[in-house]
């Protein structure tokens, strides 16, 4: 994880991947923050890691690259709509030796068109502080496996209107809305992780 972060910070001198340039700050804001997804995942699925996961709007590769390092037996797909970021993340993954994750230049709704084999195969979908809840749920429709999980990382107090729209979209998709998980990394603002679970067949 540290090797990945160091490469991202090195690339960041030329390409704006993150506003965080101090390494110690980046450890908290990127690595530790990303790792808060692990207990949220376990609250739904138990101790087994997901077989596959998708990180939507990965940016600098967070949380996707961190999850790949934490779950070496999982296969991760990190997507972003900005080609330069996707290429930078691929470079950092290679330098860090993280071989169980790959990148794709795509937005959520484009994945099935580019990778039709991903239909109903993704155990975990993640997105950190990107997009409206309802929009993300619509974008990843058809990707999640039966019983799969969608974890959306938001700020301490997501707007009530956004949450309500997300619940309406979840009902349309027959998703179960679980109680959110509140996380806290020392020195950072609290985060809310929204949890949506697909029905099992």
C-alpha atoms as a PDB file:
ATOM      1  CA  UNK A   1       0.000   0.000   0.000  1.00  0.00           C
ATOM      2  CA  UNK A   2       2.808   2.387   0.886  1.00  0.00           C
ATOM      3  CA  UNK A   3       4.646   1.592  -2.347  1.00  0.00           C
ATOM      4  CA  UNK A   4       1.456   2.370  -4.263  1.00  0.00           C
ATOM      5  CA  UNK A   5       0.908   5.613  -2.368  1.00  0.00           C
ATOM      6  CA  UNK A   6       4.499   6.716  -2.896  1.00  0.00           C
ATOM      7  CA  UNK A   7       4.204   6.201  -6.645  1.00  0.00           C
ATOM      8  CA  UNK A   8       0.924   8.148  -6.732  1.00  0.00           C
ATOM      9  CA  UNK A   9       2.561  11.034  -4.865  1.00  0.00           C
ATOM     10  CA  UNK A  10       5.483  10.928  -7.294  1.00  0.00           C
ATOM     11  CA  UNK A  11       3.183  11.034 -10.330  1.00  0.00           C
ATOM     12  CA  UNK A  12       1.190  13.759  -8.608  1.00  0.00           C
ATOM     13  CA  UNK A  13       4.063  16.187  -9.083  1.00  0.00           C
ATOM     14  CA  UNK A  14       3.248  16.206 -12.799  1.00  0.00           C
ATOM     15  CA  UNK A  15      -0.418  15.169 -12.870  1.00  0.00           C
ATOM     16  CA  UNK A  16      -3.073  16.274 -10.409  1.00  0.00           C
ATOM     17  CA  UNK A  17      -4.257  12.953  -8.937  1.00  0.00           C
ATOM     18  CA  UNK A  18      -4.790  14.202  -5.402  1.00  0.00           C
ATOM     19  CA  UNK A  19      -4.759  17.507  -3.552  1.00  0.00           C
ATOM     20  CA  UNK A  20      -2.905  15.758  -0.724  1.00  0.00           C
ATOM     21  CA  UNK A  21       0.859  16.074  -1.150  1.00  0.00           C
ATOM     22  CA  UNK A  22       2.158  15.378   2.344  1.00  0.00           C
ATOM     23  CA  UNK A  23       2.895  11.650   2.771  1.00  0.00           C
ATOM     24  CA  UNK A  24       1.733  11.378   6.387  1.00  0.00           C
ATOM     25  CA  UNK A  25      -1.493  13.172   5.549  1.00  0.00           C
ATOM     26  CA  UNK A  26      -1.966  10.957   2.492  1.00  0.00           C
ATOM     27  CA  UNK A  27      -1.580   7.799   4.602  1.00  0.00           C
ATOM     28  CA  UNK A  28      -4.540   8.896   6.721  1.00  0.00           C
ATOM     29  CA  UNK A  29      -6.677  10.438   3.994  1.00  0.00           C
ATOM     30  CA  UNK A  30      -6.148   7.739   1.379  1.00  0.00           C
ATOM     31  CA  UNK A  31      -4.913   4.490   2.920  1.00  0.00           C
ATOM     32  CA  UNK A  32      -6.610   4.478   6.325  1.00  0.00           C
ATOM     33  CA  UNK A  33      -9.783   6.035   4.956  1.00  0.00           C
ATOM     34  CA  UNK A  34      -9.970   3.344   2.242  1.00  0.00           C
ATOM     35  CA  UNK A  35      -9.466   0.591   4.827  1.00  0.00           C
ATOM     36  CA  UNK A  36     -12.633   1.646   6.670  1.00  0.00           C
ATOM     37  CA  UNK A  37     -14.473  -0.267   3.960  1.00  0.00           C
ATOM     38  CA  UNK A  38     -13.235  -3.583   5.340  1.00  0.00           C
ATOM     39  CA  UNK A  39     -15.407  -3.632   8.488  1.00  0.00           C
ATOM     40  CA  UNK A  40     -18.352  -2.320   6.447  1.00  0.00           C
ATOM     41  CA  UNK A  41     -17.915  -5.250   4.031  1.00  0.00           C
ATOM     42  CA  UNK A  42     -17.603  -7.725   6.927  1.00  0.00           C
ATOM     43  CA  UNK A  43     -20.832  -6.420   8.463  1.00  0.00           C
ATOM     44  CA  UNK A  44     -22.614  -7.679   5.350  1.00  0.00           C
ATOM     45  CA  UNK A  45     -20.580 -10.611   4.066  1.00  0.00           C
ATOM     46  CA  UNK A  46     -18.544 -11.949   6.986  1.00  0.00           C
ATOM     47  CA  UNK A  47     -14.818 -12.562   6.959  1.00  0.00           C
ATOM     48  CA  UNK A  48     -14.441 -13.871   3.388  1.00  0.00           C
ATOM     49  CA  UNK A  49     -13.085 -11.321   0.930  1.00  0.00           C
ATOM     50  CA  UNK A  50     -15.129 -10.603  -2.209  1.00  0.00           C
ATOM     51  CA  UNK A  51     -14.140 -12.609  -5.256  1.00  0.00           C
ATOM     52  CA  UNK A  52     -14.472  -9.488  -7.402  1.00  0.00           C
ATOM     53  CA  UNK A  53     -14.878  -5.785  -6.770  1.00  0.00           C
ATOM     54  CA  UNK A  54     -15.382  -2.640  -8.821  1.00  0.00           C
ATOM     55  CA  UNK A  55     -14.208   0.827  -7.768  1.00  0.00           C
ATOM     56  CA  UNK A  56     -16.243   3.504  -9.567  1.00  0.00           C
ATOM     57  CA  UNK A  57     -14.565   6.876 -10.150  1.00  0.00           C
ATOM     58  CA  UNK A  58     -11.324   5.591  -8.679  1.00  0.00           C
ATOM     59  CA  UNK A  59      -9.422   8.877  -9.186  1.00  0.00           C
ATOM     60  CA  UNK A  60      -5.969   8.207  -7.769  1.00  0.00           C
ATOM     61  CA  UNK A  61      -6.893   4.576  -7.097  1.00  0.00           C
ATOM     62  CA  UNK A  62      -8.626   4.994  -3.765  1.00  0.00           C
ATOM     63  CA  UNK A  63     -10.128   2.885  -2.351  1.00  0.00           C
ATOM     64  CA  UNK A  64      -9.629   0.328  -5.152  1.00  0.00           C
ATOM     65  CA  UNK A  65      -5.852  -0.129  -5.019  1.00  0.00           C
ATOM     66  CA  UNK A  66      -5.906  -0.348  -1.222  1.00  0.00           C
ATOM     67  CA  UNK A  67      -8.610  -3.022  -1.326  1.00  0.00           C
ATOM     68  CA  UNK A  68      -6.616  -4.987  -3.886  1.00  0.00           C
ATOM     69  CA  UNK A  69      -3.592  -4.931  -1.580  1.00  0.00           C
ATOM     70  CA  UNK A  70      -5.713  -5.908   1.425  1.00  0.00           C
ATOM     71  CA  UNK A  71      -7.465  -8.720  -0.467  1.00  0.00           C
ATOM     72  CA  UNK A  72      -4.778 -10.359  -2.647  1.00  0.00           C
ATOM     73  CA  UNK A  73      -7.082 -13.232  -3.634  1.00  0.00           C
ATOM     74  CA  UNK A  74      -9.731 -10.837  -4.991  1.00  0.00           C
ATOM     75  CA  UNK A  75      -9.874  -9.397  -8.503  1.00  0.00           C
ATOM     76  CA  UNK A  76     -10.433  -5.659  -8.733  1.00  0.00           C
ATOM     77  CA  UNK A  77     -11.498  -3.412 -11.588  1.00  0.00           C
ATOM     78  CA  UNK A  78     -10.735   0.287 -11.064  1.00  0.00           C
ATOM     79  CA  UNK A  79     -12.579   2.604 -13.436  1.00  0.00           C
ATOM     80  CA  UNK A  80     -12.516   6.324 -14.070  1.00  0.00           C
ATOM     81  CA  UNK A  81     -13.781   8.633 -16.775  1.00  0.00           C
ATOM     82  CA  UNK A  82     -10.437  10.457 -17.054  1.00  0.00           C
ATOM     83  CA  UNK A  83      -7.906   8.596 -19.179  1.00  0.00           C
ATOM     84  CA  UNK A  84      -4.832  10.259 -17.629  1.00  0.00           C
ATOM     85  CA  UNK A  85      -5.883   9.111 -14.167  1.00  0.00           C
ATOM     86  CA  UNK A  86      -6.526   5.568 -15.374  1.00  0.00           C
ATOM     87  CA  UNK A  87      -3.064   5.370 -16.938  1.00  0.00           C
ATOM     88  CA  UNK A  88      -1.453   6.791 -13.792  1.00  0.00           C
ATOM     89  CA  UNK A  89      -3.239   4.276 -11.576  1.00  0.00           C
ATOM     90  CA  UNK A  90      -2.157   1.420 -13.868  1.00  0.00           C
ATOM     91  CA  UNK A  91       1.431   2.647 -13.591  1.00  0.00           C
ATOM     92  CA  UNK A  92       1.274   2.867  -9.785  1.00  0.00           C
ATOM     93  CA  UNK A  93      -0.266  -0.616  -9.532  1.00  0.00           C
ATOM     94  CA  UNK A  94       2.575  -2.034 -11.619  1.00  0.00           C
ATOM     95  CA  UNK A  95       5.289  -0.241  -9.636  1.00  0.00           C
ATOM     96  CA  UNK A  96       3.774  -1.428  -6.332  1.00  0.00           C
ATOM     97  CA  UNK A  97       3.431  -5.002  -7.600  1.00  0.00           C
ATOM     98  CA  UNK A  98      -0.346  -5.098  -7.121  1.00  0.00           C
ATOM     99  CA  UNK A  99      -1.255  -7.664  -9.773  1.00  0.00           C
ATOM    100  CA  UNK A 100      -4.840  -8.498  -8.795  1.00  0.00           C
ATOM    101  CA  UNK A 101      -6.327  -5.203 -10.002  1.00  0.00           C
ATOM    102  CA  UNK A 102      -6.719  -3.706 -13.453  1.00  0.00           C
ATOM    103  CA  UNK A 103      -7.912  -0.361 -14.742  1.00  0.00           C
ATOM    104  CA  UNK A 104     -10.517   0.624 -17.311  1.00  0.00           C
ATOM    105  CA  UNK A 105     -11.194   4.027 -18.860  1.00  0.00           C
ATOM    106  CA  UNK A 106     -14.962   4.081 -18.402  1.00  0.00           C
ATOM    107  CA  UNK A 107     -17.804   5.492 -16.379  1.00  0.00           C
ATOM    108  CA  UNK A 108     -20.104   3.168 -14.444  1.00  0.00           C
ATOM    109  CA  UNK A 109     -22.795   2.966 -17.102  1.00  0.00           C
ATOM    110  CA  UNK A 110     -20.203   2.121 -19.773  1.00  0.00           C
ATOM    111  CA  UNK A 111     -18.702  -0.953 -18.125  1.00  0.00           C
ATOM    112  CA  UNK A 112     -21.175  -3.499 -19.494  1.00  0.00           C
ATOM    113  CA  UNK A 113     -20.733  -2.180 -23.017  1.00  0.00           C
ATOM    114  CA  UNK A 114     -16.938  -2.413 -22.777  1.00  0.00           C
ATOM    115  CA  UNK A 115     -16.856  -5.578 -20.658  1.00  0.00           C
ATOM    116  CA  UNK A 116     -20.063  -7.569 -21.294  1.00  0.00           C
ATOM    117  CA  UNK A 117     -18.581 -10.480 -19.348  1.00  0.00           C
ATOM    118  CA  UNK A 118     -18.900  -8.497 -16.119  1.00  0.00           C
ATOM    119  CA  UNK A 119     -22.711  -8.766 -16.043  1.00  0.00           C
ATOM    120  CA  UNK A 120     -23.854  -9.996 -12.597  1.00  0.00           C
ATOM    121  CA  UNK A 121     -20.292 -10.938 -11.575  1.00  0.00           C
ATOM    122  CA  UNK A 122     -19.222  -8.157  -9.176  1.00  0.00           C
ATOM    123  CA  UNK A 123     -19.464  -9.040  -5.476  1.00  0.00           C
ATOM    124  CA  UNK A 124     -18.645  -5.530  -4.245  1.00  0.00           C
ATOM    125  CA  UNK A 125     -19.073  -2.113  -5.848  1.00  0.00           C
ATOM    126  CA  UNK A 126     -17.418   0.855  -4.164  1.00  0.00           C
ATOM    127  CA  UNK A 127     -17.359   4.598  -4.798  1.00  0.00           C
ATOM    128  CA  UNK A 128     -15.694   7.218  -2.625  1.00  0.00           C
ATOM    129  CA  UNK A 129     -17.164  10.714  -2.546  1.00  0.00           C
ATOM    130  CA  UNK A 130     -18.170  10.610  -6.201  1.00  0.00           C
ATOM    131  CA  UNK A 131     -21.617  11.109  -7.745  1.00  0.00           C
ATOM    132  CA  UNK A 132     -25.133  11.097  -6.376  1.00  0.00           C
ATOM    133  CA  UNK A 133     -26.313   7.866  -4.721  1.00  0.00           C
ATOM    134  CA  UNK A 134     -29.232   7.229  -7.086  1.00  0.00           C
ATOM    135  CA  UNK A 135     -27.039   7.885 -10.127  1.00  0.00           C
ATOM    136  CA  UNK A 136     -24.394   5.416  -8.983  1.00  0.00           C
ATOM    137  CA  UNK A 137     -27.000   2.756  -8.232  1.00  0.00           C
ATOM    138  CA  UNK A 138     -28.418   3.203 -11.744  1.00  0.00           C
ATOM    139  CA  UNK A 139     -24.964   3.187 -13.335  1.00  0.00           C
ATOM    140  CA  UNK A 140     -23.916  -0.132 -11.781  1.00  0.00           C
ATOM    141  CA  UNK A 141     -27.252  -1.866 -12.314  1.00  0.00           C
ATOM    142  CA  UNK A 142     -26.633  -5.249 -13.907  1.00  0.00           C
ATOM    143  CA  UNK A 143     -23.032  -5.525 -12.683  1.00  0.00           C
ATOM    144  CA  UNK A 144     -23.532  -6.822  -9.146  1.00  0.00           C
ATOM    145  CA  UNK A 145     -23.751 -10.541  -8.455  1.00  0.00           C
ATOM    146  CA  UNK A 146     -26.749 -12.020  -6.564  1.00  0.00           C
ATOM    147  CA  UNK A 147     -26.272 -11.161  -2.913  1.00  0.00           C
ATOM    148  CA  UNK A 148     -23.633  -8.606  -3.877  1.00  0.00           C
ATOM    149  CA  UNK A 149     -23.018  -5.399  -2.006  1.00  0.00           C
ATOM    150  CA  UNK A 150     -22.664  -1.720  -2.910  1.00  0.00           C
ATOM    151  CA  UNK A 151     -20.717   0.461  -0.450  1.00  0.00           C
ATOM    152  CA  UNK A 152     -20.771   4.203  -1.054  1.00  0.00           C
ATOM    153  CA  UNK A 153     -18.399   6.376   0.962  1.00  0.00           C
ATOM    154  CA  UNK A 154     -19.883   9.769   1.807  1.00  0.00           C
ATOM    155  CA  UNK A 155     -19.159  12.636   4.174  1.00  0.00           C
ATOM    156  CA  UNK A 156     -20.359  12.821   7.778  1.00  0.00           C
ATOM    157  CA  UNK A 157     -23.861  14.067   6.932  1.00  0.00           C
ATOM    158  CA  UNK A 158     -25.065  13.132   3.429  1.00  0.00           C
ATOM    159  CA  UNK A 159     -27.932  15.395   2.287  1.00  0.00           C
ATOM    160  CA  UNK A 160     -31.359  14.019   3.189  1.00  0.00           C
ATOM    161  CA  UNK A 161     -32.602  14.604  -0.355  1.00  0.00           C
ATOM    162  CA  UNK A 162     -29.776  12.507  -1.803  1.00  0.00           C
ATOM    163  CA  UNK A 163     -30.430   9.700   0.660  1.00  0.00           C
ATOM    164  CA  UNK A 164     -34.162   9.718  -0.116  1.00  0.00           C
ATOM    165  CA  UNK A 165     -33.516   9.583  -3.858  1.00  0.00           C
ATOM    166  CA  UNK A 166     -31.091   6.728  -3.265  1.00  0.00           C
ATOM    167  CA  UNK A 167     -33.706   4.806  -1.277  1.00  0.00           C
ATOM    168  CA  UNK A 168     -36.250   5.244  -4.067  1.00  0.00           C
ATOM    169  CA  UNK A 169     -33.771   3.929  -6.623  1.00  0.00           C
ATOM    170  CA  UNK A 170     -32.850   1.063  -4.286  1.00  0.00           C
ATOM    171  CA  UNK A 171     -36.524   0.063  -4.041  1.00  0.00           C
ATOM    172  CA  UNK A 172     -36.820   0.098  -7.829  1.00  0.00           C
ATOM    173  CA  UNK A 173     -33.868  -2.281  -8.004  1.00  0.00           C
ATOM    174  CA  UNK A 174     -35.101  -4.438  -5.108  1.00  0.00           C
ATOM    175  CA  UNK A 175     -31.980  -3.608  -3.094  1.00  0.00           C
ATOM    176  CA  UNK A 176     -31.993  -3.903   0.680  1.00  0.00           C
ATOM    177  CA  UNK A 177     -30.877  -0.690   2.375  1.00  0.00           C
ATOM    178  CA  UNK A 178     -28.789  -1.541   5.437  1.00  0.00           C
ATOM    179  CA  UNK A 179     -28.128   0.905   8.274  1.00  0.00           C
ATOM    180  CA  UNK A 180     -25.118   3.061   7.354  1.00  0.00           C
ATOM    181  CA  UNK A 181     -21.757   2.535   9.012  1.00  0.00           C
ATOM    182  CA  UNK A 182     -20.156   5.569  10.648  1.00  0.00           C
ATOM    183  CA  UNK A 183     -16.377   5.526  10.513  1.00  0.00           C
ATOM    184  CA  UNK A 184     -13.699   7.744  11.948  1.00  0.00           C
ATOM    185  CA  UNK A 185     -10.004   7.993  11.168  1.00  0.00           C
ATOM    186  CA  UNK A 186      -8.056  10.083  13.695  1.00  0.00           C
ATOM    187  CA  UNK A 187      -7.518  13.547  12.307  1.00  0.00           C
ATOM    188  CA  UNK A 188     -10.179  13.227   9.594  1.00  0.00           C
ATOM    189  CA  UNK A 189     -13.834  14.153   9.525  1.00  0.00           C
ATOM    190  CA  UNK A 190     -16.212  11.292  10.158  1.00  0.00           C
ATOM    191  CA  UNK A 191     -17.456   9.358   7.143  1.00  0.00           C
ATOM    192  CA  UNK A 192     -20.743   7.638   6.401  1.00  0.00           C
ATOM    193  CA  UNK A 193     -20.683   4.400   4.413  1.00  0.00           C
ATOM    194  CA  UNK A 194     -24.019   3.672   2.760  1.00  0.00           C
ATOM    195  CA  UNK A 195     -24.800  -0.019   2.289  1.00  0.00           C
ATOM    196  CA  UNK A 196     -27.032  -1.577  -0.375  1.00  0.00           C
ATOM    197  CA  UNK A 197     -27.379  -5.346  -0.798  1.00  0.00           C
ATOM    198  CA  UNK A 198     -28.738  -7.234  -3.792  1.00  0.00           C
ATOM    199  CA  UNK A 199     -31.203 -10.078  -3.299  1.00  0.00           C
ATOM    200  CA  UNK A 200     -29.935 -13.621  -3.633  1.00  0.00           C
ATOM    201  CA  UNK A 201     -31.514 -15.740  -6.318  1.00  0.00           C
END
